[in-house]
Amino acid sequence: MRDAAAWFDTHTYRFDQFDPAALVAAKRDTRVSVLIPARDEAATVGAIVTTLRSELMDRVPLVDEIIVIDSHSTDATADIAAEAGATVFHVDEVVPHVGSRPGKGEAMWKALAVMTGDIGIYLDADVQEFTADFVIGLLGPLLLEDDLVFVKAFYDRPWSSGPPRSSGGGRVTELVARPLILDRTPLLSGFVQPLAGECAFRADALLTIPFVSDYGVDIGLMIDVLREHGLSAMAQVDLGLRRHRHQDLAALSAMAQHVQAAFDLRTAPGVRESVESTAVVFHREGTEMRMGERTTTTVQRPPMRDVLSP
């Protein structure tokens, strides 16, 4: 804990300490790619892409490309993102010889195959009232600190109803991820929101590590970056306020299974390519309570550099 606390004091930033003009000067010829995995986010993805183009491409030249990876959307997500100015790929069309899986981790992994930037920034597609500060805050440490390779976001996540209040690190973070981190990877215990979807990275760092599928992807990446580059190469940025929809308990329960599986894939003894887990679930039919099972399979994708190598 002492090492994590010392890291927290020296590697935690705020988005508003970075000046966009200074970042443009520091950027020089570095290419920056914004990568947005998306499934059924027609309500928000257009505004996010429009803000990125107007604020960080047209007004301040910090972003060189915006890529949306459509993960089997059933709405107009892909069309809206393209009309707003993003380059859109369907997840099945990227490196098709390795097949395709559902889930966020697959979309993030395949984004590496089509990005052209030296630095990548993953953004979630469901953010409401999105501002350019998200990208400025994540990009700042990487452009100004040569020793950093990975920057994680954290923020306040107020509930949409009732009095304003922070939701802390999120329910799955506090109840599942945080205890596992303390037990298995305590050096990561200084991260406020290890499951946050937004992060920035040097492409070379992520091209050489495996990706865990589904919602285990975020903690899986952090474990591998820590292993390969050390805690001093990682940082976090307070992005202020993030508004988005909150998942129901059934969805959170499935996320928890994937997070647990990610820890097993990346920290348990032995080499495994997948973890299958079963949870007991209950639902009511009329006046009767029913008991069932939900089985999830979390897999590990190989480093993208290996996939792209001839």
C-alpha atoms as a PDB file:
ATOM      1  CA  MET A   1       0.000   0.000   0.000  1.00  0.00           C
ATOM      2  CA  ARG A   2       2.871   2.378   0.705  1.00  0.00           C
ATOM      3  CA  ASP A   3       4.127   2.142  -2.900  1.00  0.00           C
ATOM      4  CA  ALA A   4       0.601   2.680  -4.235  1.00  0.00           C
ATOM      5  CA  ALA A   5       0.099   5.722  -2.016  1.00  0.00           C
ATOM      6  CA  ALA A   6       3.394   7.255  -3.120  1.00  0.00           C
ATOM      7  CA  TRP A   7       2.427   6.649  -6.753  1.00  0.00           C
ATOM      8  CA  PHE A   8      -0.996   8.228  -6.185  1.00  0.00           C
ATOM      9  CA  ASP A   9       0.597  11.434  -4.919  1.00  0.00           C
ATOM     10  CA  THR A  10       2.937  11.814  -7.911  1.00  0.00           C
ATOM     11  CA  HIS A  11       0.990  10.299 -10.818  1.00  0.00           C
ATOM     12  CA  THR A  12      -2.524  11.721 -10.359  1.00  0.00           C
ATOM     13  CA  TYR A  13      -3.505  14.694 -12.550  1.00  0.00           C
ATOM     14  CA  ARG A  14      -6.522  16.888 -13.229  1.00  0.00           C
ATOM     15  CA  PHE A  15      -7.820  17.626 -16.713  1.00  0.00           C
ATOM     16  CA  ASP A  16      -7.769  21.401 -16.180  1.00  0.00           C
ATOM     17  CA  GLN A  17      -4.039  21.565 -15.548  1.00  0.00           C
ATOM     18  CA  PHE A  18      -3.343  21.011 -19.259  1.00  0.00           C
ATOM     19  CA  ASP A  19      -3.420  23.857 -21.782  1.00  0.00           C
ATOM     20  CA  PRO A  20      -4.492  22.737 -25.281  1.00  0.00           C
ATOM     21  CA  ALA A  21      -2.111  25.135 -27.020  1.00  0.00           C
ATOM     22  CA  ALA A  22       0.818  23.791 -24.997  1.00  0.00           C
ATOM     23  CA  LEU A  23      -0.206  20.242 -25.893  1.00  0.00           C
ATOM     24  CA  VAL A  24      -0.259  21.121 -29.601  1.00  0.00           C
ATOM     25  CA  ALA A  25       3.316  22.392 -29.282  1.00  0.00           C
ATOM     26  CA  ALA A  26       4.362  19.228 -27.445  1.00  0.00           C
ATOM     27  CA  LYS A  27       2.583  16.985 -29.946  1.00  0.00           C
ATOM     28  CA  ARG A  28       4.838  17.896 -32.883  1.00  0.00           C
ATOM     29  CA  ASP A  29       4.514  15.069 -35.430  1.00  0.00           C
ATOM     30  CA  THR A  30       2.893  12.560 -33.024  1.00  0.00           C
ATOM     31  CA  ARG A  31      -0.335  11.115 -34.422  1.00  0.00           C
ATOM     32  CA  VAL A  32      -3.287  10.746 -32.056  1.00  0.00           C
ATOM     33  CA  SER A  33      -6.152   8.324 -32.672  1.00  0.00           C
ATOM     34  CA  VAL A  34      -9.429   8.414 -30.755  1.00  0.00           C
ATOM     35  CA  LEU A  35     -10.999   4.950 -30.622  1.00  0.00           C
ATOM     36  CA  ILE A  36     -14.652   4.480 -29.696  1.00  0.00           C
ATOM     37  CA  PRO A  37     -16.105   0.976 -29.278  1.00  0.00           C
ATOM     38  CA  ALA A  38     -19.864   1.252 -29.661  1.00  0.00           C
ATOM     39  CA  ARG A  39     -22.969  -0.885 -29.604  1.00  0.00           C
ATOM     40  CA  ASP A  40     -26.429   0.645 -29.852  1.00  0.00           C
ATOM     41  CA  GLU A  41     -25.278   4.141 -28.875  1.00  0.00           C
ATOM     42  CA  ALA A  42     -27.164   6.128 -31.515  1.00  0.00           C
ATOM     43  CA  ALA A  43     -28.393   8.571 -28.859  1.00  0.00           C
ATOM     44  CA  THR A  44     -24.911   9.788 -27.869  1.00  0.00           C
ATOM     45  CA  VAL A  45     -22.204   8.776 -30.355  1.00  0.00           C
ATOM     46  CA  GLY A  46     -22.993  11.548 -32.865  1.00  0.00           C
ATOM     47  CA  ALA A  47     -22.537  14.338 -30.339  1.00  0.00           C
ATOM     48  CA  ILE A  48     -19.255  12.825 -29.139  1.00  0.00           C
ATOM     49  CA  VAL A  49     -17.797  12.611 -32.646  1.00  0.00           C
ATOM     50  CA  THR A  50     -19.050  16.102 -33.550  1.00  0.00           C
ATOM     51  CA  THR A  51     -17.415  17.587 -30.449  1.00  0.00           C
ATOM     52  CA  LEU A  52     -14.129  15.832 -31.190  1.00  0.00           C
ATOM     53  CA  ARG A  53     -14.055  17.074 -34.770  1.00  0.00           C
ATOM     54  CA  SER A  54     -15.007  20.665 -34.006  1.00  0.00           C
ATOM     55  CA  GLU A  55     -12.963  21.154 -30.835  1.00  0.00           C
ATOM     56  CA  LEU A  56      -9.902  18.925 -31.301  1.00  0.00           C
ATOM     57  CA  MET A  57      -9.459  18.708 -35.071  1.00  0.00           C
ATOM     58  CA  ASP A  58     -10.812  21.942 -36.557  1.00  0.00           C
ATOM     59  CA  ARG A  59     -10.219  24.392 -33.683  1.00  0.00           C
ATOM     60  CA  VAL A  60      -7.206  22.822 -31.944  1.00  0.00           C
ATOM     61  CA  PRO A  61      -5.265  20.204 -33.965  1.00  0.00           C
ATOM     62  CA  LEU A  62      -4.749  17.568 -31.274  1.00  0.00           C
ATOM     63  CA  VAL A  63      -6.614  14.602 -32.792  1.00  0.00           C
ATOM     64  CA  ASP A  64      -5.700  13.115 -36.168  1.00  0.00           C
ATOM     65  CA  GLU A  65      -8.385  10.458 -36.571  1.00  0.00           C
ATOM     66  CA  ILE A  66     -11.627   9.312 -34.950  1.00  0.00           C
ATOM     67  CA  ILE A  67     -12.426   5.618 -35.305  1.00  0.00           C
ATOM     68  CA  VAL A  68     -15.688   4.004 -34.217  1.00  0.00           C
ATOM     69  CA  ILE A  69     -15.772   0.213 -33.978  1.00  0.00           C
ATOM     70  CA  ASP A  70     -19.377  -0.874 -34.348  1.00  0.00           C
ATOM     71  CA  SER A  71     -19.943  -3.976 -32.233  1.00  0.00           C
ATOM     72  CA  HIS A  72     -23.078  -5.490 -33.765  1.00  0.00           C
ATOM     73  CA  SER A  73     -25.357  -2.497 -33.235  1.00  0.00           C
ATOM     74  CA  THR A  74     -29.026  -2.954 -34.033  1.00  0.00           C
ATOM     75  CA  ASP A  75     -29.704   0.790 -34.260  1.00  0.00           C
ATOM     76  CA  ALA A  76     -28.220   3.617 -36.374  1.00  0.00           C
ATOM     77  CA  THR A  77     -24.982   3.920 -34.391  1.00  0.00           C
ATOM     78  CA  ALA A  78     -22.719   3.308 -37.404  1.00  0.00           C
ATOM     79  CA  ASP A  79     -24.552   5.687 -39.752  1.00  0.00           C
ATOM     80  CA  ILE A  80     -24.754   8.479 -37.192  1.00  0.00           C
ATOM     81  CA  ALA A  81     -21.053   8.163 -36.321  1.00  0.00           C
ATOM     82  CA  ALA A  82     -20.073   8.235 -39.994  1.00  0.00           C
ATOM     83  CA  GLU A  83     -22.273  11.256 -40.720  1.00  0.00           C
ATOM     84  CA  ALA A  84     -20.659  13.086 -37.800  1.00  0.00           C
ATOM     85  CA  GLY A  85     -17.207  12.506 -39.300  1.00  0.00           C
ATOM     86  CA  ALA A  86     -15.825   9.304 -37.804  1.00  0.00           C
ATOM     87  CA  THR A  87     -14.265   6.460 -39.725  1.00  0.00           C
ATOM     88  CA  VAL A  88     -16.461   3.474 -38.918  1.00  0.00           C
ATOM     89  CA  PHE A  89     -15.511  -0.197 -38.996  1.00  0.00           C
ATOM     90  CA  HIS A  90     -17.740  -3.132 -38.188  1.00  0.00           C
ATOM     91  CA  VAL A  91     -15.975  -5.375 -35.714  1.00  0.00           C
ATOM     92  CA  ASP A  92     -16.431  -8.427 -37.974  1.00  0.00           C
ATOM     93  CA  GLU A  93     -14.604  -6.711 -40.874  1.00  0.00           C
ATOM     94  CA  VAL A  94     -11.357  -6.073 -38.977  1.00  0.00           C
ATOM     95  CA  VAL A  95      -8.728  -8.841 -39.215  1.00  0.00           C
ATOM     96  CA  PRO A  96     -11.522 -11.230 -40.261  1.00  0.00           C
ATOM     97  CA  HIS A  97      -9.176 -14.233 -40.437  1.00  0.00           C
ATOM     98  CA  VAL A  98      -9.167 -14.427 -36.607  1.00  0.00           C
ATOM     99  CA  GLY A  99     -12.946 -14.456 -36.379  1.00  0.00           C
ATOM    100  CA  SER A 100     -15.032 -12.176 -34.213  1.00  0.00           C
ATOM    101  CA  ARG A 101     -16.590 -12.167 -30.772  1.00  0.00           C
ATOM    102  CA  PRO A 102     -19.213  -9.992 -29.140  1.00  0.00           C
ATOM    103  CA  GLY A 103     -18.284  -7.573 -26.400  1.00  0.00           C
ATOM    104  CA  LYS A 104     -16.368  -4.414 -25.615  1.00  0.00           C
ATOM    105  CA  GLY A 105     -12.962  -6.077 -25.289  1.00  0.00           C
ATOM    106  CA  GLU A 106     -13.123  -7.419 -28.840  1.00  0.00           C
ATOM    107  CA  ALA A 107     -13.963  -3.985 -30.250  1.00  0.00           C
ATOM    108  CA  MET A 108     -11.118  -2.360 -28.323  1.00  0.00           C
ATOM    109  CA  TRP A 109      -8.677  -5.051 -29.444  1.00  0.00           C
ATOM    110  CA  LYS A 110      -9.619  -4.762 -33.102  1.00  0.00           C
ATOM    111  CA  ALA A 111      -9.342  -0.978 -32.989  1.00  0.00           C
ATOM    112  CA  LEU A 112      -5.576  -1.448 -32.645  1.00  0.00           C
ATOM    113  CA  ALA A 113      -5.503  -3.101 -36.075  1.00  0.00           C
ATOM    114  CA  VAL A 114      -6.916  -0.063 -37.885  1.00  0.00           C
ATOM    115  CA  MET A 115      -5.541   2.900 -35.927  1.00  0.00           C
ATOM    116  CA  THR A 116      -2.616   4.845 -37.398  1.00  0.00           C
ATOM    117  CA  GLY A 117      -1.711   6.886 -34.332  1.00  0.00           C
ATOM    118  CA  ASP A 118       1.326   6.733 -32.087  1.00  0.00           C
ATOM    119  CA  ILE A 119      -1.016   7.465 -29.180  1.00  0.00           C
ATOM    120  CA  GLY A 120      -4.503   6.025 -28.811  1.00  0.00           C
ATOM    121  CA  ILE A 121      -7.374   7.190 -26.631  1.00  0.00           C
ATOM    122  CA  TYR A 122     -10.265   4.864 -25.830  1.00  0.00           C
ATOM    123  CA  LEU A 123     -13.574   6.616 -25.158  1.00  0.00           C
ATOM    124  CA  ASP A 124     -16.917   5.103 -24.206  1.00  0.00           C
ATOM    125  CA  ALA A 125     -19.780   5.900 -26.579  1.00  0.00           C
ATOM    126  CA  ASP A 126     -22.534   6.367 -23.984  1.00  0.00           C
ATOM    127  CA  VAL A 127     -21.300   9.586 -22.360  1.00  0.00           C
ATOM    128  CA  GLN A 128     -23.848  12.392 -22.121  1.00  0.00           C
ATOM    129  CA  GLU A 129     -22.789  16.065 -22.202  1.00  0.00           C
ATOM    130  CA  PHE A 130     -19.383  15.014 -23.559  1.00  0.00           C
ATOM    131  CA  THR A 131     -16.660  17.684 -23.647  1.00  0.00           C
ATOM    132  CA  ALA A 132     -13.216  17.894 -25.228  1.00  0.00           C
ATOM    133  CA  ASP A 133     -11.728  17.983 -21.719  1.00  0.00           C
ATOM    134  CA  PHE A 134     -11.918  14.185 -21.651  1.00  0.00           C
ATOM    135  CA  VAL A 135      -9.345  13.908 -24.423  1.00  0.00           C
ATOM    136  CA  ILE A 136      -7.248  16.883 -23.321  1.00  0.00           C
ATOM    137  CA  GLY A 137      -6.938  15.433 -19.828  1.00  0.00           C
ATOM    138  CA  LEU A 138      -5.995  11.941 -20.968  1.00  0.00           C
ATOM    139  CA  LEU A 139      -3.595  13.145 -23.638  1.00  0.00           C
ATOM    140  CA  GLY A 140      -1.769  15.686 -21.492  1.00  0.00           C
ATOM    141  CA  PRO A 141       0.391  13.356 -19.385  1.00  0.00           C
ATOM    142  CA  LEU A 142       1.499  11.276 -22.389  1.00  0.00           C
ATOM    143  CA  LEU A 143       2.541  14.327 -24.413  1.00  0.00           C
ATOM    144  CA  LEU A 144       4.367  15.982 -21.523  1.00  0.00           C
ATOM    145  CA  GLU A 145       5.884  12.981 -19.729  1.00  0.00           C
ATOM    146  CA  ASP A 146       8.040  10.717 -21.909  1.00  0.00           C
ATOM    147  CA  ASP A 147       8.206   7.969 -19.274  1.00  0.00           C
ATOM    148  CA  LEU A 148       4.453   7.331 -19.255  1.00  0.00           C
ATOM    149  CA  VAL A 149       2.826   4.737 -21.491  1.00  0.00           C
ATOM    150  CA  PHE A 150      -0.694   4.434 -20.029  1.00  0.00           C
ATOM    151  CA  VAL A 151      -3.138   6.937 -18.489  1.00  0.00           C
ATOM    152  CA  LYS A 152      -6.451   5.970 -16.865  1.00  0.00           C
ATOM    153  CA  ALA A 153      -9.462   8.202 -16.284  1.00  0.00           C
ATOM    154  CA  PHE A 154     -11.513   8.697 -13.153  1.00  0.00           C
ATOM    155  CA  TYR A 155     -14.487  10.977 -12.521  1.00  0.00           C
ATOM    156  CA  ASP A 156     -17.637  11.609 -10.529  1.00  0.00           C
ATOM    157  CA  ARG A 157     -20.590   9.580 -11.845  1.00  0.00           C
ATOM    158  CA  PRO A 158     -23.772  11.144 -10.459  1.00  0.00           C
ATOM    159  CA  TRP A 159     -27.042   9.251 -10.572  1.00  0.00           C
ATOM    160  CA  SER A 160     -29.595  10.594 -13.019  1.00  0.00           C
ATOM    161  CA  SER A 161     -32.341  10.902 -10.408  1.00  0.00           C
ATOM    162  CA  GLY A 162     -32.448  12.237  -6.891  1.00  0.00           C
ATOM    163  CA  PRO A 163     -29.980  14.674  -5.332  1.00  0.00           C
ATOM    164  CA  PRO A 164     -26.541  14.967  -6.989  1.00  0.00           C
ATOM    165  CA  ARG A 165     -24.025  12.577  -5.485  1.00  0.00           C
ATOM    166  CA  SER A 166     -20.946  10.754  -6.659  1.00  0.00           C
ATOM    167  CA  SER A 167     -21.220   7.045  -7.261  1.00  0.00           C
ATOM    168  CA  GLY A 168     -17.585   6.590  -6.302  1.00  0.00           C
ATOM    169  CA  GLY A 169     -15.678   3.973  -8.217  1.00  0.00           C
ATOM    170  CA  GLY A 170     -18.801   2.165  -9.340  1.00  0.00           C
ATOM    171  CA  ARG A 171     -20.535  -0.826  -7.808  1.00  0.00           C
ATOM    172  CA  VAL A 172     -18.539  -3.538  -9.589  1.00  0.00           C
ATOM    173  CA  THR A 173     -15.307  -1.685  -8.825  1.00  0.00           C
ATOM    174  CA  GLU A 174     -15.967  -1.368  -5.098  1.00  0.00           C
ATOM    175  CA  LEU A 175     -17.523  -4.790  -4.526  1.00  0.00           C
ATOM    176  CA  VAL A 176     -15.483  -6.956  -6.912  1.00  0.00           C
ATOM    177  CA  ALA A 177     -12.460  -5.307  -8.504  1.00  0.00           C
ATOM    178  CA  ARG A 178     -11.106  -3.450  -5.486  1.00  0.00           C
ATOM    179  CA  PRO A 179     -10.873  -6.522  -3.201  1.00  0.00           C
ATOM    180  CA  LEU A 180      -9.255  -8.540  -6.019  1.00  0.00           C
ATOM    181  CA  ILE A 181      -6.722  -5.786  -6.671  1.00  0.00           C
ATOM    182  CA  LEU A 182      -5.755  -5.646  -3.013  1.00  0.00           C
ATOM    183  CA  ASP A 183      -5.342  -9.409  -2.963  1.00  0.00           C
ATOM    184  CA  ARG A 184      -3.617 -10.037  -6.302  1.00  0.00           C
ATOM    185  CA  THR A 185      -2.193  -6.787  -7.706  1.00  0.00           C
ATOM    186  CA  PRO A 186      -1.892  -4.368  -4.764  1.00  0.00           C
ATOM    187  CA  LEU A 187       0.328  -1.977  -6.723  1.00  0.00           C
ATOM    188  CA  LEU A 188      -2.788  -1.001  -8.676  1.00  0.00           C
ATOM    189  CA  SER A 189      -4.724  -0.060  -5.547  1.00  0.00           C
ATOM    190  CA  GLY A 190      -4.038   3.672  -6.078  1.00  0.00           C
ATOM    191  CA  PHE A 191      -6.266   3.792  -9.169  1.00  0.00           C
ATOM    192  CA  VAL A 192      -9.578   5.426  -8.313  1.00  0.00           C
ATOM    193  CA  GLN A 193     -11.591   3.732 -11.052  1.00  0.00           C
ATOM    194  CA  PRO A 194      -9.683   0.786 -12.533  1.00  0.00           C
ATOM    195  CA  LEU A 195     -12.728  -0.273 -14.573  1.00  0.00           C
ATOM    196  CA  ALA A 196     -13.243   3.129 -16.202  1.00  0.00           C
ATOM    197  CA  GLY A 197     -13.629   2.820 -19.959  1.00  0.00           C
ATOM    198  CA  GLU A 198     -11.554   5.873 -20.861  1.00  0.00           C
ATOM    199  CA  CYS A 199      -7.780   5.618 -21.091  1.00  0.00           C
ATOM    200  CA  ALA A 200      -4.879   6.794 -23.234  1.00  0.00           C
ATOM    201  CA  PHE A 201      -1.855   4.763 -24.280  1.00  0.00           C
ATOM    202  CA  ARG A 202       1.213   4.575 -26.453  1.00  0.00           C
ATOM    203  CA  ALA A 203       0.377   2.221 -29.298  1.00  0.00           C
ATOM    204  CA  ASP A 204       3.593   0.245 -28.962  1.00  0.00           C
ATOM    205  CA  ALA A 205       2.690  -0.648 -25.371  1.00  0.00           C
ATOM    206  CA  LEU A 206      -0.730  -2.135 -26.135  1.00  0.00           C
ATOM    207  CA  LEU A 207       0.160  -3.829 -29.409  1.00  0.00           C
ATOM    208  CA  THR A 208       2.380  -6.276 -27.548  1.00  0.00           C
ATOM    209  CA  ILE A 209      -0.008  -7.452 -24.809  1.00  0.00           C
ATOM    210  CA  PRO A 210      -3.051  -9.756 -24.922  1.00  0.00           C
ATOM    211  CA  PHE A 211      -6.605  -8.451 -24.579  1.00  0.00           C
ATOM    212  CA  VAL A 212      -9.245  -9.996 -22.350  1.00  0.00           C
ATOM    213  CA  SER A 213     -12.722 -10.125 -23.846  1.00  0.00           C
ATOM    214  CA  ASP A 214     -15.871  -8.361 -22.699  1.00  0.00           C
ATOM    215  CA  TYR A 215     -15.826  -6.255 -19.511  1.00  0.00           C
ATOM    216  CA  GLY A 216     -12.646  -7.837 -18.218  1.00  0.00           C
ATOM    217  CA  VAL A 217     -10.664  -5.860 -20.780  1.00  0.00           C
ATOM    218  CA  ASP A 218      -9.960  -2.755 -18.690  1.00  0.00           C
ATOM    219  CA  ILE A 219      -8.451  -4.474 -15.666  1.00  0.00           C
ATOM    220  CA  GLY A 220      -6.692  -6.997 -17.901  1.00  0.00           C
ATOM    221  CA  LEU A 221      -4.880  -4.192 -19.711  1.00  0.00           C
ATOM    222  CA  MET A 222      -3.812  -2.581 -16.457  1.00  0.00           C
ATOM    223  CA  ILE A 223      -2.411  -5.824 -15.090  1.00  0.00           C
ATOM    224  CA  ASP A 224      -0.372  -6.393 -18.243  1.00  0.00           C
ATOM    225  CA  VAL A 225       0.865  -2.809 -18.532  1.00  0.00           C
ATOM    226  CA  LEU A 226       1.972  -3.003 -14.901  1.00  0.00           C
ATOM    227  CA  ARG A 227       3.780  -6.275 -15.567  1.00  0.00           C
ATOM    228  CA  GLU A 228       5.504  -5.080 -18.742  1.00  0.00           C
ATOM    229  CA  HIS A 229       6.271  -1.439 -17.911  1.00  0.00           C
ATOM    230  CA  GLY A 230       5.958  -0.960 -14.156  1.00  0.00           C
ATOM    231  CA  LEU A 231       3.765   1.305 -12.049  1.00  0.00           C
ATOM    232  CA  SER A 232       5.889   4.390 -12.745  1.00  0.00           C
ATOM    233  CA  ALA A 233       4.866   4.213 -16.425  1.00  0.00           C
ATOM    234  CA  MET A 234       1.178   4.547 -15.486  1.00  0.00           C
ATOM    235  CA  ALA A 235      -0.867   7.568 -14.416  1.00  0.00           C
ATOM    236  CA  GLN A 236      -4.474   8.634 -13.847  1.00  0.00           C
ATOM    237  CA  VAL A 237      -6.430  11.811 -14.572  1.00  0.00           C
ATOM    238  CA  ASP A 238      -9.459  13.287 -12.837  1.00  0.00           C
ATOM    239  CA  LEU A 239     -11.858  14.205 -15.662  1.00  0.00           C
ATOM    240  CA  GLY A 240     -14.417  15.855 -13.392  1.00  0.00           C
ATOM    241  CA  LEU A 241     -18.011  14.882 -14.154  1.00  0.00           C
ATOM    242  CA  ARG A 242     -19.190  12.012 -16.342  1.00  0.00           C
ATOM    243  CA  ARG A 243     -22.872  11.495 -17.065  1.00  0.00           C
ATOM    244  CA  HIS A 244     -24.016   8.227 -18.587  1.00  0.00           C
ATOM    245  CA  ARG A 245     -26.643   5.593 -18.095  1.00  0.00           C
ATOM    246  CA  HIS A 246     -26.181   3.221 -15.166  1.00  0.00           C
ATOM    247  CA  GLN A 247     -26.557  -0.519 -15.656  1.00  0.00           C
ATOM    248  CA  ASP A 248     -29.100  -2.623 -13.815  1.00  0.00           C
ATOM    249  CA  LEU A 249     -28.040  -5.325 -11.358  1.00  0.00           C
ATOM    250  CA  ALA A 250     -28.338  -8.155 -13.880  1.00  0.00           C
ATOM    251  CA  ALA A 251     -25.878  -6.442 -16.203  1.00  0.00           C
ATOM    252  CA  LEU A 252     -23.562  -5.599 -13.320  1.00  0.00           C
ATOM    253  CA  SER A 253     -23.604  -9.215 -12.192  1.00  0.00           C
ATOM    254  CA  ALA A 254     -22.448 -10.360 -15.640  1.00  0.00           C
ATOM    255  CA  MET A 255     -19.734  -7.671 -15.627  1.00  0.00           C
ATOM    256  CA  ALA A 256     -18.550  -8.958 -12.262  1.00  0.00           C
ATOM    257  CA  GLN A 257     -18.159 -12.452 -13.705  1.00  0.00           C
ATOM    258  CA  HIS A 258     -15.976 -11.111 -16.528  1.00  0.00           C
ATOM    259  CA  VAL A 259     -13.870  -9.034 -14.128  1.00  0.00           C
ATOM    260  CA  GLN A 260     -13.259 -12.054 -11.896  1.00  0.00           C
ATOM    261  CA  ALA A 261     -12.359 -14.097 -14.986  1.00  0.00           C
ATOM    262  CA  ALA A 262      -9.895 -11.435 -16.136  1.00  0.00           C
ATOM    263  CA  PHE A 263      -8.034 -11.698 -12.832  1.00  0.00           C
ATOM    264  CA  ASP A 264      -7.963 -15.472 -13.193  1.00  0.00           C
ATOM    265  CA  LEU A 265      -6.641 -15.244 -16.766  1.00  0.00           C
ATOM    266  CA  ARG A 266      -3.948 -12.699 -15.959  1.00  0.00           C
ATOM    267  CA  THR A 267      -2.846 -13.589 -12.396  1.00  0.00           C
ATOM    268  CA  ALA A 268      -3.749 -17.202 -11.585  1.00  0.00           C
ATOM    269  CA  PRO A 269      -1.045 -19.871 -11.945  1.00  0.00           C
ATOM    270  CA  GLY A 270      -0.923 -21.709 -15.241  1.00  0.00           C
ATOM    271  CA  VAL A 271      -1.632 -20.621 -18.796  1.00  0.00           C
ATOM    272  CA  ARG A 272      -5.246 -20.476 -19.928  1.00  0.00           C
ATOM    273  CA  GLU A 273      -6.929 -19.010 -22.970  1.00  0.00           C
ATOM    274  CA  SER A 274     -10.440 -18.798 -21.502  1.00  0.00           C
ATOM    275  CA  VAL A 275     -12.412 -18.954 -18.262  1.00  0.00           C
ATOM    276  CA  GLU A 276     -15.992 -20.142 -17.993  1.00  0.00           C
ATOM    277  CA  SER A 277     -18.042 -19.186 -14.950  1.00  0.00           C
ATOM    278  CA  THR A 278     -21.617 -19.848 -13.870  1.00  0.00           C
ATOM    279  CA  ALA A 279     -23.748 -17.630 -11.665  1.00  0.00           C
ATOM    280  CA  VAL A 280     -27.076 -18.384 -10.030  1.00  0.00           C
ATOM    281  CA  VAL A 281     -29.797 -15.929 -11.061  1.00  0.00           C
ATOM    282  CA  PHE A 282     -33.385 -15.438  -9.910  1.00  0.00           C
ATOM    283  CA  HIS A 283     -36.397 -13.890 -11.568  1.00  0.00           C
ATOM    284  CA  ARG A 284     -40.069 -13.674 -10.760  1.00  0.00           C
ATOM    285  CA  GLU A 285     -42.805 -15.030 -12.997  1.00  0.00           C
ATOM    286  CA  GLY A 286     -46.094 -13.742 -11.688  1.00  0.00           C
ATOM    287  CA  THR A 287     -46.161 -14.728  -8.027  1.00  0.00           C
ATOM    288  CA  GLU A 288     -43.489 -17.430  -8.415  1.00  0.00           C
ATOM    289  CA  MET A 289     -39.743 -16.997  -7.964  1.00  0.00           C
ATOM    290  CA  ARG A 290     -37.642 -18.912 -10.495  1.00  0.00           C
ATOM    291  CA  MET A 291     -34.031 -19.998 -10.171  1.00  0.00           C
ATOM    292  CA  GLY A 292     -31.689 -20.271 -13.140  1.00  0.00           C
ATOM    293  CA  GLU A 293     -28.076 -20.054 -14.229  1.00  0.00           C
ATOM    294  CA  ARG A 294     -26.032 -17.662 -16.343  1.00  0.00           C
ATOM    295  CA  THR A 295     -22.798 -18.940 -17.849  1.00  0.00           C
ATOM    296  CA  THR A 296     -20.212 -16.537 -19.244  1.00  0.00           C
ATOM    297  CA  THR A 297     -17.045 -17.324 -21.148  1.00  0.00           C
ATOM    298  CA  THR A 298     -14.161 -14.854 -20.994  1.00  0.00           C
ATOM    299  CA  VAL A 299     -11.403 -15.398 -23.525  1.00  0.00           C
ATOM    300  CA  GLN A 300      -7.984 -13.952 -24.129  1.00  0.00           C
ATOM    301  CA  ARG A 301      -7.030 -12.513 -27.503  1.00  0.00           C
ATOM    302  CA  PRO A 302      -3.335 -12.582 -28.533  1.00  0.00           C
ATOM    303  CA  PRO A 303      -1.233  -9.434 -28.860  1.00  0.00           C
ATOM    304  CA  MET A 304      -2.391  -7.572 -31.975  1.00  0.00           C
ATOM    305  CA  ARG A 305       1.188  -7.233 -33.186  1.00  0.00           C
ATOM    306  CA  ASP A 306       1.325 -11.028 -33.480  1.00  0.00           C
ATOM    307  CA  VAL A 307      -1.932 -11.031 -35.474  1.00  0.00           C
ATOM    308  CA  LEU A 308      -0.673  -8.349 -37.850  1.00  0.00           C
ATOM    309  CA  SER A 309       2.767  -9.879 -38.355  1.00  0.00           C
ATOM    310  CA  PRO A 310       3.190 -11.487 -41.797  1.00  0.00           C
END
